[in-house]
Protein backbone atom coordinates (compact mmCIF):
# COMPACT_ATOMS: atom_id res chain seq x y z
CA UNK A 1 5.93 -2.90 -16.36
CA UNK A 2 8.05 -5.91 -15.41
CA UNK A 3 8.11 -5.66 -11.60
CA UNK A 4 5.77 -3.61 -9.39
CA UNK A 5 7.54 -2.61 -6.18
CA UNK A 6 6.83 1.13 -5.97
CA UNK A 7 5.42 4.08 -7.88
CA UNK A 8 8.80 4.31 -9.62
CA UNK A 9 7.80 1.23 -11.64
CA UNK A 10 4.77 3.04 -13.12
CA UNK A 11 5.56 4.77 -16.44
CA UNK A 12 2.37 6.86 -16.46
CA UNK A 13 0.36 7.26 -13.26
CA UNK A 14 -2.71 8.79 -14.91
CA UNK A 15 -2.90 5.96 -17.44
CA UNK A 16 -2.74 3.32 -14.70
CA UNK A 17 -5.42 5.02 -12.59
CA UNK A 18 -7.76 5.43 -15.55
CA UNK A 19 -7.16 1.83 -16.59
CA UNK A 20 -8.14 0.67 -13.10
CA UNK A 21 -11.36 2.66 -13.35
CA UNK A 22 -12.16 1.10 -16.73
CA UNK A 23 -11.53 -2.37 -15.34
CA UNK A 24 -13.82 -1.59 -12.42
CA UNK A 25 -16.63 -0.92 -14.88
CA UNK A 26 -15.91 -4.04 -16.94
CA UNK A 27 -13.78 -6.45 -14.87
CA UNK A 28 -13.85 -9.30 -17.38
CA UNK A 29 -12.93 -7.27 -20.46
CA UNK A 30 -9.35 -8.57 -20.40
CA UNK A 31 -10.09 -12.10 -19.14
CA UNK A 32 -8.13 -13.62 -22.02
CA UNK A 33 -4.83 -12.04 -20.95
CA UNK A 34 -4.15 -14.40 -18.05
CA UNK A 35 -5.26 -17.62 -19.70
CA UNK A 36 -2.77 -20.42 -18.95
CA UNK A 37 -0.82 -18.11 -16.62
CA UNK A 38 -0.30 -18.69 -12.90
CA UNK A 39 0.09 -16.11 -10.13
CA UNK A 40 1.77 -17.21 -6.92
CA UNK A 41 0.90 -15.21 -3.80
CA UNK A 42 3.52 -15.66 -1.09
CA UNK A 43 2.62 -14.33 2.36
CA UNK A 44 5.14 -13.96 5.17
CA UNK A 45 2.47 -12.01 7.11
CA UNK A 46 -1.28 -12.07 7.62
CA UNK A 47 -3.59 -10.50 5.05
CA UNK A 48 -7.27 -10.00 4.32
CA UNK A 49 -7.79 -7.29 1.66
CA UNK A 50 -4.49 -7.80 -0.16
CA UNK A 51 -4.90 -11.55 -0.41
CA UNK A 52 -8.53 -11.61 -1.50
CA UNK A 53 -8.42 -8.57 -3.79
CA UNK A 54 -5.29 -9.70 -5.64
CA UNK A 55 -6.64 -13.22 -6.01
CA UNK A 56 -9.93 -11.88 -7.40
CA UNK A 57 -8.08 -9.47 -9.71
CA UNK A 58 -6.02 -12.34 -11.14
CA UNK A 59 -9.10 -14.49 -11.63
CA UNK A 60 -10.85 -11.63 -13.45
CA UNK A 61 -7.93 -11.70 -15.89
CA UNK A 62 -8.27 -15.47 -16.37
CA UNK A 63 -5.24 -16.44 -14.26
CA UNK A 64 -4.80 -19.45 -12.01
CA UNK A 65 -3.76 -18.50 -8.47
CA UNK A 66 -1.70 -20.38 -5.88
CA UNK A 67 -1.48 -19.02 -2.33
CA UNK A 68 1.18 -19.93 0.23
CA UNK A 69 1.45 -18.73 3.82
CA UNK A 70 5.13 -19.25 4.48
CA UNK A 71 4.95 -19.54 8.27
CA UNK A 72 2.25 -22.23 8.13
CA UNK A 73 2.82 -23.96 4.80
CA UNK A 74 6.55 -23.92 4.10
CA UNK A 75 10.05 -24.26 5.48
CA UNK A 76 11.67 -21.48 7.47
CA UNK A 77 13.68 -19.50 4.91
CA UNK A 78 17.23 -18.21 5.26
CA UNK A 79 17.74 -14.83 3.58
CA UNK A 80 21.40 -14.06 4.29
CA UNK A 81 24.16 -15.10 1.88
CA UNK A 82 27.23 -17.07 2.88
CA UNK A 83 25.80 -18.43 6.12
CA UNK A 84 26.31 -21.88 7.63
CA UNK A 85 22.75 -23.17 7.80
CA UNK A 86 23.02 -25.18 11.00
CA UNK A 87 20.20 -23.37 12.83
CA UNK A 88 16.42 -23.28 12.50
CA UNK A 89 16.35 -22.19 8.83
CA UNK A 90 15.74 -25.21 6.60
CA UNK A 91 15.80 -23.72 3.10
CA UNK A 92 17.56 -20.79 1.47
CA UNK A 93 15.56 -18.18 -0.41
CA UNK A 94 17.82 -18.73 -3.44
CA UNK A 95 16.31 -22.16 -3.99
CA UNK A 96 12.83 -21.37 -2.66
CA UNK A 97 12.29 -18.31 -4.88
CA UNK A 98 13.75 -20.07 -7.92
CA UNK A 99 11.49 -23.10 -7.41
CA UNK A 100 8.38 -20.95 -7.00
CA UNK A 101 9.42 -19.23 -10.22
CA UNK A 102 9.33 -22.62 -11.94
CA UNK A 103 5.67 -23.00 -11.00
CA UNK A 104 4.44 -19.42 -11.47
CA UNK A 105 4.53 -16.81 -14.23
CA UNK A 106 4.21 -13.94 -11.73
CA UNK A 107 4.90 -13.86 -7.99
CA UNK A 108 3.42 -11.55 -5.37
CA UNK A 109 5.31 -11.25 -2.07
CA UNK A 110 4.16 -9.77 1.26
CA UNK A 111 6.63 -9.23 4.08
CA UNK A 112 6.43 -6.69 6.91
CA UNK A 113 9.12 -4.68 8.66
CA UNK A 114 10.67 -6.20 11.77
CA UNK A 115 10.88 -2.71 13.36
CA UNK A 116 14.12 -3.49 15.18
CA UNK A 117 16.79 -2.86 12.52
CA UNK A 118 16.03 0.16 10.32
CA UNK A 119 18.83 -0.52 7.87
CA UNK A 120 17.66 -4.09 7.34
CA UNK A 121 14.02 -3.11 6.92
CA UNK A 122 14.78 -0.25 4.53
CA UNK A 123 17.12 -2.56 2.62
CA UNK A 124 14.01 -4.59 1.67
CA UNK A 125 15.89 -7.88 1.75
CA UNK A 126 12.96 -10.27 1.35
CA UNK A 127 11.32 -8.79 -1.72
CA UNK A 128 14.66 -8.00 -3.37
CA UNK A 129 15.80 -11.59 -2.87
CA UNK A 130 12.69 -12.78 -4.72
CA UNK A 131 13.35 -10.31 -7.54
CA UNK A 132 16.94 -11.54 -7.69
CA UNK A 133 16.29 -15.28 -7.64
CA UNK A 134 12.73 -16.02 -8.82
CA UNK A 135 13.42 -15.60 -12.53
CA UNK A 136 9.91 -14.21 -13.10
CA UNK A 137 8.32 -10.78 -12.47
CA UNK A 138 7.51 -9.86 -8.86
CA UNK A 139 4.86 -7.55 -7.42
CA UNK A 140 4.80 -6.18 -3.90
CA UNK A 141 1.81 -7.17 -1.77
CA UNK A 142 3.35 -4.89 0.89
CA UNK A 143 6.98 -4.76 1.90
CA UNK A 144 8.90 -3.40 4.86
CA UNK A 145 8.72 0.19 3.56
CA UNK A 146 5.94 0.39 0.94
CA UNK A 147 2.44 -0.80 0.06
CA UNK A 148 2.04 0.23 -3.59
CA UNK A 149 -1.16 -1.73 -4.33
CA UNK A 150 -2.88 0.05 -1.45
CA UNK A 151 -1.61 3.43 -2.63
CA UNK A 152 -2.85 2.85 -6.17
CA UNK A 153 -6.29 1.94 -4.81
CA UNK A 154 -6.19 5.12 -2.71
CA UNK A 155 -5.51 7.25 -5.78
CA UNK A 156 -8.25 5.47 -7.74
CA UNK A 157 -10.68 6.27 -4.90
CA UNK A 158 -9.62 9.89 -4.80
CA UNK A 159 -9.91 10.24 -8.56
CA UNK A 160 -13.47 8.89 -8.40
CA UNK A 161 -14.48 11.28 -5.62
CA UNK A 162 -12.35 14.33 -6.42
CA UNK A 163 -15.00 16.51 -8.13
CA UNK A 164 -17.55 16.01 -5.37
CA UNK A 165 -14.94 16.40 -2.67
CA UNK A 166 -13.30 19.52 -3.99
CA UNK A 167 -16.18 21.33 -5.62
CA UNK A 168 -13.77 23.87 -7.02
CA UNK A 169 -11.09 24.26 -9.67
CA UNK A 170 -8.10 24.92 -7.41
CA UNK A 171 -5.86 22.45 -5.61
CA UNK A 172 -7.33 19.43 -3.87
CA UNK A 173 -6.08 19.39 -0.28
CA UNK A 174 -5.03 15.95 0.96
CA UNK A 175 -3.98 15.35 4.57
CA UNK A 176 -2.11 12.30 5.82
CA UNK A 177 -2.51 12.28 9.59
CA UNK A 178 -0.98 10.11 12.28
CA UNK A 179 -3.36 8.72 14.89
CA UNK A 180 -2.70 6.74 18.09
CA UNK A 181 -2.41 2.95 18.25
CA UNK A 182 -1.49 0.58 21.09
CA UNK A 183 1.17 -1.27 19.05
CA UNK A 184 4.19 -0.30 16.99
CA UNK A 185 3.23 -0.34 13.31
CA UNK A 186 5.45 -0.08 10.20
CA UNK A 187 5.79 3.05 8.09
CA UNK A 188 4.95 1.19 4.87
CA UNK A 189 1.44 2.56 4.25
CA UNK A 190 2.20 6.22 5.08
CA UNK A 191 5.53 6.02 3.22
CA UNK A 192 3.82 4.69 0.14
CA UNK A 193 0.86 7.06 0.31
CA UNK A 194 3.22 10.03 0.59
CA UNK A 195 5.33 8.76 -2.31
CA UNK A 196 2.29 8.31 -4.56
CA UNK A 197 0.73 11.62 -3.56
CA UNK A 198 3.92 13.50 -4.36
CA UNK A 199 3.95 11.82 -7.77
CA UNK A 200 0.21 12.48 -8.24
CA UNK A 201 0.62 16.25 -7.92
CA UNK A 202 0.45 17.26 -11.56
CA UNK A 203 -0.35 13.77 -12.84
CA UNK A 204 -3.88 13.76 -11.44
CA UNK A 205 -4.25 17.51 -11.12
CA UNK A 206 -2.89 20.04 -8.62
CA UNK A 207 -2.61 18.69 -5.07
CA UNK A 208 -1.81 20.37 -1.76
CA UNK A 209 -0.36 17.54 0.32
CA UNK A 210 0.06 17.92 4.09
CA UNK A 211 1.45 15.42 6.61
CA UNK A 212 0.37 15.88 10.25
CA UNK A 213 2.00 14.02 13.14
CA UNK A 214 3.32 14.58 16.66
CA UNK A 215 6.98 15.39 17.30
CA UNK A 216 9.20 12.38 16.70
CA UNK A 217 7.10 10.79 13.95
CA UNK A 218 8.71 12.36 10.88
CA UNK A 219 8.81 9.92 7.97
CA UNK A 220 12.01 9.20 6.06
CA UNK A 221 12.99 12.28 3.99
CA UNK A 222 12.80 10.47 0.66
CA UNK A 223 9.09 9.83 1.24
CA UNK A 224 8.21 13.27 2.61
CA UNK A 225 9.91 14.80 -0.43
CA UNK A 226 8.74 18.39 -0.05
CA UNK A 227 5.27 17.77 1.41
CA UNK A 228 4.26 20.30 4.05
CA UNK A 229 4.65 18.85 7.54
CA UNK A 230 2.84 20.13 10.60
CA UNK A 231 2.46 19.07 14.24
CA UNK A 232 -0.92 20.83 14.45
CA UNK A 233 -3.60 18.35 13.37
CA UNK A 234 -6.47 20.82 13.51
CA UNK A 235 -4.62 23.34 11.36
CA UNK A 236 -3.92 20.59 8.82
CA UNK A 237 -7.60 19.62 8.66
CA UNK A 238 -8.81 23.11 7.80
CA UNK A 239 -10.29 23.11 4.30
CA UNK A 240 -9.09 19.57 3.53
CA UNK A 241 -10.85 17.47 0.88
CA UNK A 242 -9.41 14.10 1.90
CA UNK A 243 -8.27 12.94 5.35
CA UNK A 244 -6.10 9.82 5.20
CA UNK A 245 -5.54 8.48 8.70
CA UNK A 246 -2.89 5.94 9.69
CA UNK A 247 -0.67 5.13 12.65
CA UNK A 248 3.03 4.50 12.26
CA UNK A 249 5.90 4.00 14.69
CA UNK A 250 8.89 6.33 14.85
CA UNK A 251 11.41 6.35 12.02
CA UNK A 252 14.02 8.36 13.93
CA UNK A 253 13.67 6.30 17.13
CA UNK A 254 13.09 3.27 15.00
CA UNK A 255 10.05 1.16 15.75
CA UNK A 256 9.27 2.92 19.01
CA UNK A 257 5.87 4.12 20.19
CA UNK A 258 6.56 7.66 21.42
CA UNK A 259 2.94 8.69 21.92
CA UNK A 260 -0.54 7.25 22.37
CA UNK A 261 -2.10 10.68 22.74
CA UNK A 262 -5.88 10.34 22.27
CA UNK A 263 -6.00 13.99 21.25
CA UNK A 264 -4.87 12.78 17.79
CA UNK A 265 -7.87 10.45 17.33
CA UNK A 266 -9.94 11.61 14.35
CA UNK A 267 -13.40 12.69 15.49
CA UNK A 268 -16.39 14.60 14.17
CA UNK A 269 -15.18 17.89 15.64
CA UNK A 270 -11.99 17.75 13.60
CA UNK A 271 -13.77 16.57 10.45
CA UNK A 272 -16.04 19.62 10.77
CA UNK A 273 -12.96 21.78 10.08
CA UNK A 274 -12.59 20.25 6.61
CA UNK A 275 -14.24 20.94 3.25
CA UNK A 276 -16.68 18.04 3.82
CA UNK A 277 -13.64 15.79 3.51
CA UNK A 278 -13.76 12.11 2.73
CA UNK A 279 -12.33 9.96 5.52
CA UNK A 280 -9.86 7.32 4.31
CA UNK A 281 -8.07 4.43 6.01
CA UNK A 282 -6.43 1.32 4.60
CA UNK A 283 -8.05 -1.03 7.18
CA UNK A 284 -8.01 -2.83 9.54
CA UNK A 285 -8.75 0.07 11.88
CA UNK A 286 -9.04 0.26 15.67
CA UNK A 287 -12.39 1.91 16.36
CA UNK A 288 -12.39 4.76 18.87
CA UNK A 289 -8.58 4.69 18.95
CA UNK A 290 -7.66 5.71 15.41
CA UNK A 291 -11.09 7.14 14.58
CA UNK A 292 -14.43 7.44 16.32
CA UNK A 293 -17.44 5.37 15.35
CA UNK A 294 -19.27 8.55 14.35
CA UNK A 295 -16.71 9.32 11.65
CA UNK A 296 -16.04 5.77 10.51
CA UNK A 297 -19.75 4.97 10.13
CA UNK A 298 -20.61 8.43 8.84
CA UNK A 299 -21.56 9.53 5.32
CA UNK A 300 -18.09 10.86 4.47
CA UNK A 301 -16.26 7.62 5.28
CA UNK A 302 -15.06 5.87 2.11
CA UNK A 303 -13.05 3.03 3.66
CA UNK A 304 -15.23 0.31 2.11
CA UNK A 305 -14.96 1.90 -1.34
CA UNK A 306 -11.18 2.03 -0.84
CA UNK A 307 -11.12 -1.67 -0.01
CA UNK A 308 -13.31 -2.46 -3.01
CA UNK A 309 -10.95 -0.54 -5.28
CA UNK A 310 -8.12 -2.84 -4.26
CA UNK A 311 -9.46 -5.26 -6.91
CA UNK A 312 -9.39 -2.95 -9.93
CA UNK A 313 -6.06 -1.47 -8.80
CA UNK A 314 -4.43 -4.90 -8.58
CA UNK A 315 -6.06 -5.88 -11.86
CA UNK A 316 -4.58 -2.88 -13.66
CA UNK A 317 -1.11 -3.75 -12.37
CA UNK A 318 -1.43 -7.43 -13.27
CA UNK A 319 -2.70 -6.49 -16.73
CA UNK A 320 0.43 -4.45 -17.42
CA UNK A 321 2.70 -7.18 -16.06
CA UNK A 322 0.98 -9.77 -18.26
CA UNK A 323 1.34 -7.51 -21.29
CA UNK A 324 5.02 -7.15 -20.50
CA UNK A 325 5.34 -10.96 -20.45
CA UNK A 326 3.43 -11.24 -23.71
CA UNK A 327 5.63 -8.78 -25.57
CA UNK A 328 8.96 -9.51 -23.83
């Protein structure tokens, strides 16, 4: 696995999930792999879980880690080609990415959607420019349209909890539900979760995957990819084994907040419709907007386990990228 930008870069999903679980049990088993290797973590946006979990994962593998917050620590970067750089951009990404590649063996990049230009966001300019110019492998720490490290951690969590959650041999029912939020948020997490869940059906066992959202919040077709979509949240929750809750802004009316309807907040009444479902969220979460305290602090909430699994998920990815370097 040279680069890690989406689930499409994973040759075998089951192998990667199981490897993450093994590394969780013995995090220092492969500590020799990263010796004398350096991971650069480049953040264009704020981060808590992604930054700390990826840094810890790299250290567990014996790697050195350098972290740079571009807005605070570096020059303003120009991304476009062929421009006259007589404005506020001091350095071009061609040079910046290439220089970082001189210092690092692997580079992780985090850059959010601007939510004003859908074509630009879905073109993934920032991360693709690093892939093009860095000269070393690149992993996504979240991009404009995807968050693959989060999605892998989500699948690891579900694999751990699946027997207890399902309690039966038939399909595990997984629901991705929209919930209200005061700000416009990107589609990256729900896009990525949907993409990984569609790939997981069959790889990790049979899955019934449902996406619930109000009118106007349909995700891009390539991410929905045959999942059942409903505008009835309660109907979606019936018999579910996992409830994954996340807000996202409109894809069709790009970046707009079309609804803040509190009727979509996840509460105990709705969770009672499920098959004792586990409540999942990527964090950070707005309490009593996205989900009530009763659910978030309740016995079926697994958000802290999810966050903890970000380490072994990132470690599994970094392990494969290091192996690719070793045998290239």
